[in-house]
Amino acid sequence: MTEEQDEFDPWDEFVEQSHELVVELVDCVAYQLDTDEPRIALSDVLLSLAFEHSHSARMLLHTGFLPSALVVHRAQFETILRSLWVLYGASDDVVGRLSAELNLESERAAKNIPSTSKMMEDLATKAPPNAFKPLHDFKHYSWAALNSYVHAGIHPIRRHAEGYPPWLLANVMKNVNGLSVVTAMQAAMLTVGTELQQEVLDIAARYPDVLSPPNEPPSP
């Protein structure tokens, strides 16, 4: 490696910009919710968990562990989906079961939560269209490949055997970042009395190099 390459690594810069984007997003929506409403509080916890998955996926991608990053990336998506579903589609009974103190009884009670497909069906009619559409588009274009990575299918087998091209790492990072923007938009919706959604969009607009262009389908 030359001295010039040592001083500037495009991939490290790409990762650093991705990290800065999400730090700004988290800071923007880091308001303490003042509510006793269980479904809002539960939705907020899930969004915090989604940000944690985002951080983990970025770290794994930075070090080149693409298949593991994509497993976490699917968890990131499912956590955002459940946050939205808890807010708009879940029954009070389900919200109560997911909000209970963790013990053997509550663990058993929290089983048999609707599948991802059923949550998407519920949200198609119950959630605001602008909140549902990004999740619908992501699932439509990415779900089959993500399932392959989770279940050790042909995608991770061939990629692990043949190596991970830089463009693929970058595209997955953009998808992770895009879901982080979705997470922040959802968090902004939970924050009563503030107008944060435009601030989230303004932050995203400052990082075009680490986000997919609008209307471009995700591609893991």
Protein backbone atom coordinates (compact mmCIF):
# COMPACT_ATOMS: atom_id res chain seq x y z
CA MET A 1 0.00 0.00 0.00
CA THR A 2 1.36 3.43 -0.92
CA GLU A 3 1.62 6.31 1.53
CA GLU A 4 -1.19 8.12 -0.33
CA GLN A 5 -3.48 5.09 -0.04
CA ASP A 6 -2.56 4.85 3.63
CA GLU A 7 -3.80 8.39 4.20
CA PHE A 8 -7.10 8.07 2.34
CA ASP A 9 -9.19 4.93 2.05
CA PRO A 10 -12.45 5.52 0.12
CA TRP A 11 -14.19 2.65 1.92
CA ASP A 12 -13.22 3.97 5.36
CA GLU A 13 -14.48 7.41 4.32
CA PHE A 14 -17.75 5.87 3.09
CA VAL A 15 -18.21 4.07 6.41
CA GLU A 16 -17.36 7.20 8.39
CA GLN A 17 -19.95 9.24 6.48
CA SER A 18 -22.51 6.49 7.12
CA HIS A 19 -21.73 6.62 10.82
CA GLU A 20 -21.99 10.42 10.89
CA LEU A 21 -25.37 10.25 9.14
CA VAL A 22 -26.84 7.92 11.74
CA VAL A 23 -25.33 9.85 14.66
CA GLU A 24 -27.07 12.97 13.36
CA LEU A 25 -30.33 11.08 12.92
CA VAL A 26 -30.21 9.63 16.43
CA ASP A 27 -29.38 13.02 17.94
CA CYS A 28 -32.22 14.64 16.01
CA VAL A 29 -34.90 12.31 17.40
CA ALA A 30 -33.40 11.73 20.88
CA TYR A 31 -36.34 13.18 22.76
CA GLN A 32 -37.72 11.60 25.92
CA LEU A 33 -41.30 10.60 25.21
CA ASP A 34 -43.72 11.93 27.79
CA THR A 35 -46.53 9.39 27.53
CA ASP A 36 -48.21 6.61 29.44
CA GLU A 37 -49.51 5.07 26.22
CA PRO A 38 -48.05 1.51 26.09
CA ARG A 39 -48.08 1.14 22.30
CA ILE A 40 -46.18 4.41 21.79
CA ALA A 41 -43.61 3.46 24.42
CA LEU A 42 -43.20 -0.02 22.89
CA SER A 43 -42.88 1.41 19.38
CA ASP A 44 -40.16 3.75 20.65
CA VAL A 45 -38.20 0.90 22.27
CA LEU A 46 -38.32 -1.02 19.00
CA LEU A 47 -36.98 1.98 17.09
CA SER A 48 -34.09 2.27 19.53
CA LEU A 49 -33.37 -1.42 18.92
CA ALA A 50 -33.48 -0.82 15.15
CA PHE A 51 -30.83 1.90 15.50
CA GLU A 52 -28.69 -0.59 17.44
CA HIS A 53 -29.05 -3.14 14.62
CA SER A 54 -28.04 -0.41 12.17
CA HIS A 55 -24.86 0.24 14.14
CA SER A 56 -24.04 -3.48 14.28
CA ALA A 57 -24.60 -3.93 10.55
CA ARG A 58 -22.32 -1.00 9.74
CA MET A 59 -19.56 -2.42 11.93
CA LEU A 60 -19.85 -5.84 10.28
CA LEU A 61 -19.80 -4.33 6.80
CA HIS A 62 -16.80 -2.16 7.65
CA THR A 63 -14.82 -5.27 8.56
CA GLY A 64 -16.02 -7.21 5.53
CA PHE A 65 -18.42 -9.66 7.19
CA LEU A 66 -21.14 -9.29 4.58
CA PRO A 67 -23.29 -12.39 5.31
CA SER A 68 -23.42 -11.64 9.04
CA ALA A 69 -24.22 -8.00 8.29
CA LEU A 70 -27.16 -9.03 6.14
CA VAL A 71 -28.56 -11.25 8.89
CA VAL A 72 -28.52 -8.22 11.19
CA HIS A 73 -29.88 -6.08 8.36
CA ARG A 74 -32.95 -8.31 8.14
CA ALA A 75 -33.40 -7.97 11.90
CA GLN A 76 -33.14 -4.20 11.43
CA PHE A 77 -35.98 -4.28 8.91
CA GLU A 78 -38.18 -6.58 10.99
CA THR A 79 -37.69 -4.41 14.07
CA ILE A 80 -38.77 -1.25 12.20
CA LEU A 81 -41.72 -3.17 10.76
CA ARG A 82 -42.81 -4.35 14.20
CA SER A 83 -42.47 -0.82 15.58
CA LEU A 84 -44.83 0.48 12.91
CA TRP A 85 -47.20 -2.47 13.33
CA VAL A 86 -47.31 -2.01 17.11
CA LEU A 87 -48.35 1.59 16.56
CA TYR A 88 -51.01 1.03 13.89
CA GLY A 89 -51.92 -2.64 13.59
CA ALA A 90 -51.45 -4.58 16.83
CA SER A 91 -54.27 -5.32 19.24
CA ASP A 92 -54.11 -4.04 22.82
CA ASP A 93 -53.64 -7.65 23.92
CA VAL A 94 -50.52 -8.08 21.77
CA VAL A 95 -49.10 -4.75 22.93
CA GLY A 96 -49.63 -5.86 26.51
CA ARG A 97 -47.91 -9.19 25.94
CA LEU A 98 -44.88 -7.56 24.31
CA SER A 99 -44.64 -4.91 27.02
CA ALA A 100 -44.76 -7.30 29.97
CA GLU A 101 -41.86 -7.91 32.32
CA LEU A 102 -39.68 -10.72 30.98
CA ASN A 103 -40.20 -14.09 32.66
CA LEU A 104 -41.12 -17.61 31.59
CA GLU A 105 -44.83 -16.86 31.60
CA SER A 106 -44.52 -13.66 29.55
CA GLU A 107 -42.13 -15.39 27.15
CA ARG A 108 -44.76 -18.02 26.43
CA ALA A 109 -47.51 -15.42 26.16
CA ALA A 110 -45.52 -13.41 23.60
CA LYS A 111 -45.34 -16.33 21.17
CA ASN A 112 -47.56 -16.58 18.11
CA ILE A 113 -47.17 -12.93 17.17
CA PRO A 114 -48.33 -12.42 13.55
CA SER A 115 -45.81 -13.10 10.79
CA THR A 116 -44.00 -10.46 8.81
CA SER A 117 -46.41 -10.97 5.91
CA LYS A 118 -49.44 -10.52 8.16
CA MET A 119 -47.95 -7.34 9.66
CA MET A 120 -47.42 -5.98 6.14
CA GLU A 121 -51.03 -6.81 5.25
CA ASP A 122 -52.28 -4.97 8.33
CA LEU A 123 -50.12 -1.94 7.66
CA ALA A 124 -51.21 -1.74 4.03
CA THR A 125 -54.65 -0.62 5.24
CA LYS A 126 -53.92 0.89 8.66
CA ALA A 127 -50.65 2.82 8.43
CA PRO A 128 -50.09 6.17 6.69
CA PRO A 129 -49.05 5.44 3.07
CA ASN A 130 -45.80 7.42 3.36
CA ALA A 131 -44.80 5.30 6.39
CA PHE A 132 -45.77 1.99 4.81
CA LYS A 133 -44.32 2.47 1.32
CA PRO A 134 -40.58 2.35 2.21
CA LEU A 135 -41.08 -0.92 4.09
CA HIS A 136 -43.19 -2.38 1.28
CA ASP A 137 -40.57 -1.49 -1.32
CA PHE A 138 -37.72 -2.83 0.78
CA LYS A 139 -39.47 -6.16 1.40
CA HIS A 140 -40.49 -6.50 -2.24
CA TYR A 141 -36.95 -6.14 -3.56
CA SER A 142 -34.82 -7.55 -0.73
CA TRP A 143 -36.73 -10.20 1.19
CA ALA A 144 -35.74 -13.25 -0.88
CA ALA A 145 -32.03 -12.44 -0.73
CA LEU A 146 -32.16 -11.64 3.00
CA ASN A 147 -33.91 -14.95 3.70
CA SER A 148 -31.13 -16.67 1.77
CA TYR A 149 -28.50 -15.09 4.01
CA VAL A 150 -30.40 -15.97 7.20
CA HIS A 151 -30.90 -19.59 6.17
CA ALA A 152 -27.49 -20.21 4.56
CA GLY A 153 -28.90 -20.35 1.04
CA ILE A 154 -27.23 -19.83 -2.32
CA HIS A 155 -26.54 -16.11 -1.80
CA PRO A 156 -24.17 -16.45 1.17
CA ILE A 157 -22.69 -19.71 -0.12
CA ARG A 158 -21.63 -18.22 -3.46
CA ARG A 159 -20.59 -14.85 -2.03
CA HIS A 160 -18.53 -16.48 0.71
CA ALA A 161 -16.87 -18.80 -1.81
CA GLU A 162 -16.18 -16.13 -4.44
CA GLY A 163 -15.63 -13.02 -2.32
CA TYR A 164 -17.55 -9.82 -1.75
CA PRO A 165 -17.27 -7.17 -4.48
CA PRO A 166 -16.89 -3.59 -3.23
CA TRP A 167 -20.04 -2.44 -5.01
CA LEU A 168 -22.09 -4.99 -3.07
CA LEU A 169 -20.70 -3.88 0.28
CA ALA A 170 -21.49 -0.27 -0.63
CA ASN A 171 -25.03 -1.08 -1.78
CA VAL A 172 -25.82 -2.98 1.40
CA MET A 173 -24.43 -0.12 3.48
CA LYS A 174 -26.70 2.28 1.59
CA ASN A 175 -29.67 0.02 2.36
CA VAL A 176 -28.75 -0.07 6.06
CA ASN A 177 -28.46 3.73 6.03
CA GLY A 178 -31.78 4.07 4.23
CA LEU A 179 -33.56 2.03 6.87
CA SER A 180 -31.92 4.24 9.50
CA VAL A 181 -33.60 7.23 7.86
CA VAL A 182 -36.92 5.34 7.95
CA THR A 183 -36.31 4.64 11.64
CA ALA A 184 -35.69 8.30 12.35
CA MET A 185 -38.80 9.33 10.43
CA GLN A 186 -40.86 6.93 12.50
CA ALA A 187 -39.28 8.22 15.71
CA ALA A 188 -40.11 11.77 14.66
CA MET A 189 -43.76 10.74 14.29
CA LEU A 190 -43.81 9.57 17.92
CA THR A 191 -42.48 12.85 19.30
CA VAL A 192 -45.53 14.90 20.23
CA GLY A 193 -45.31 18.66 19.84
CA THR A 194 -42.26 18.78 17.57
CA GLU A 195 -41.82 18.95 13.82
CA LEU A 196 -38.85 16.69 13.30
CA GLN A 197 -39.65 14.89 10.06
CA GLN A 198 -38.37 17.72 7.88
CA GLU A 199 -35.21 17.89 10.00
CA VAL A 200 -34.68 14.17 9.37
CA LEU A 201 -35.09 14.72 5.63
CA ASP A 202 -32.68 17.67 5.74
CA ILE A 203 -30.07 15.50 7.47
CA ALA A 204 -30.48 12.77 4.85
CA ALA A 205 -30.10 15.33 2.08
CA ARG A 206 -26.62 16.18 3.38
CA TYR A 207 -25.42 12.60 2.84
CA PRO A 208 -26.35 11.69 -0.76
CA ASP A 209 -23.19 9.62 -1.28
CA VAL A 210 -24.16 7.05 1.36
CA LEU A 211 -27.85 6.76 0.50
CA SER A 212 -29.51 5.26 -2.56
CA PRO A 213 -31.18 7.82 -4.85
CA PRO A 214 -34.93 8.22 -4.26
CA ASN A 215 -37.04 5.51 -5.94
CA GLU A 216 -34.02 3.28 -6.54
CA PRO A 217 -34.85 -0.26 -5.35
CA PRO A 218 -32.61 -1.78 -2.67
CA SER A 219 -30.26 -4.52 -3.87
CA PRO A 220 -28.52 -6.80 -1.33
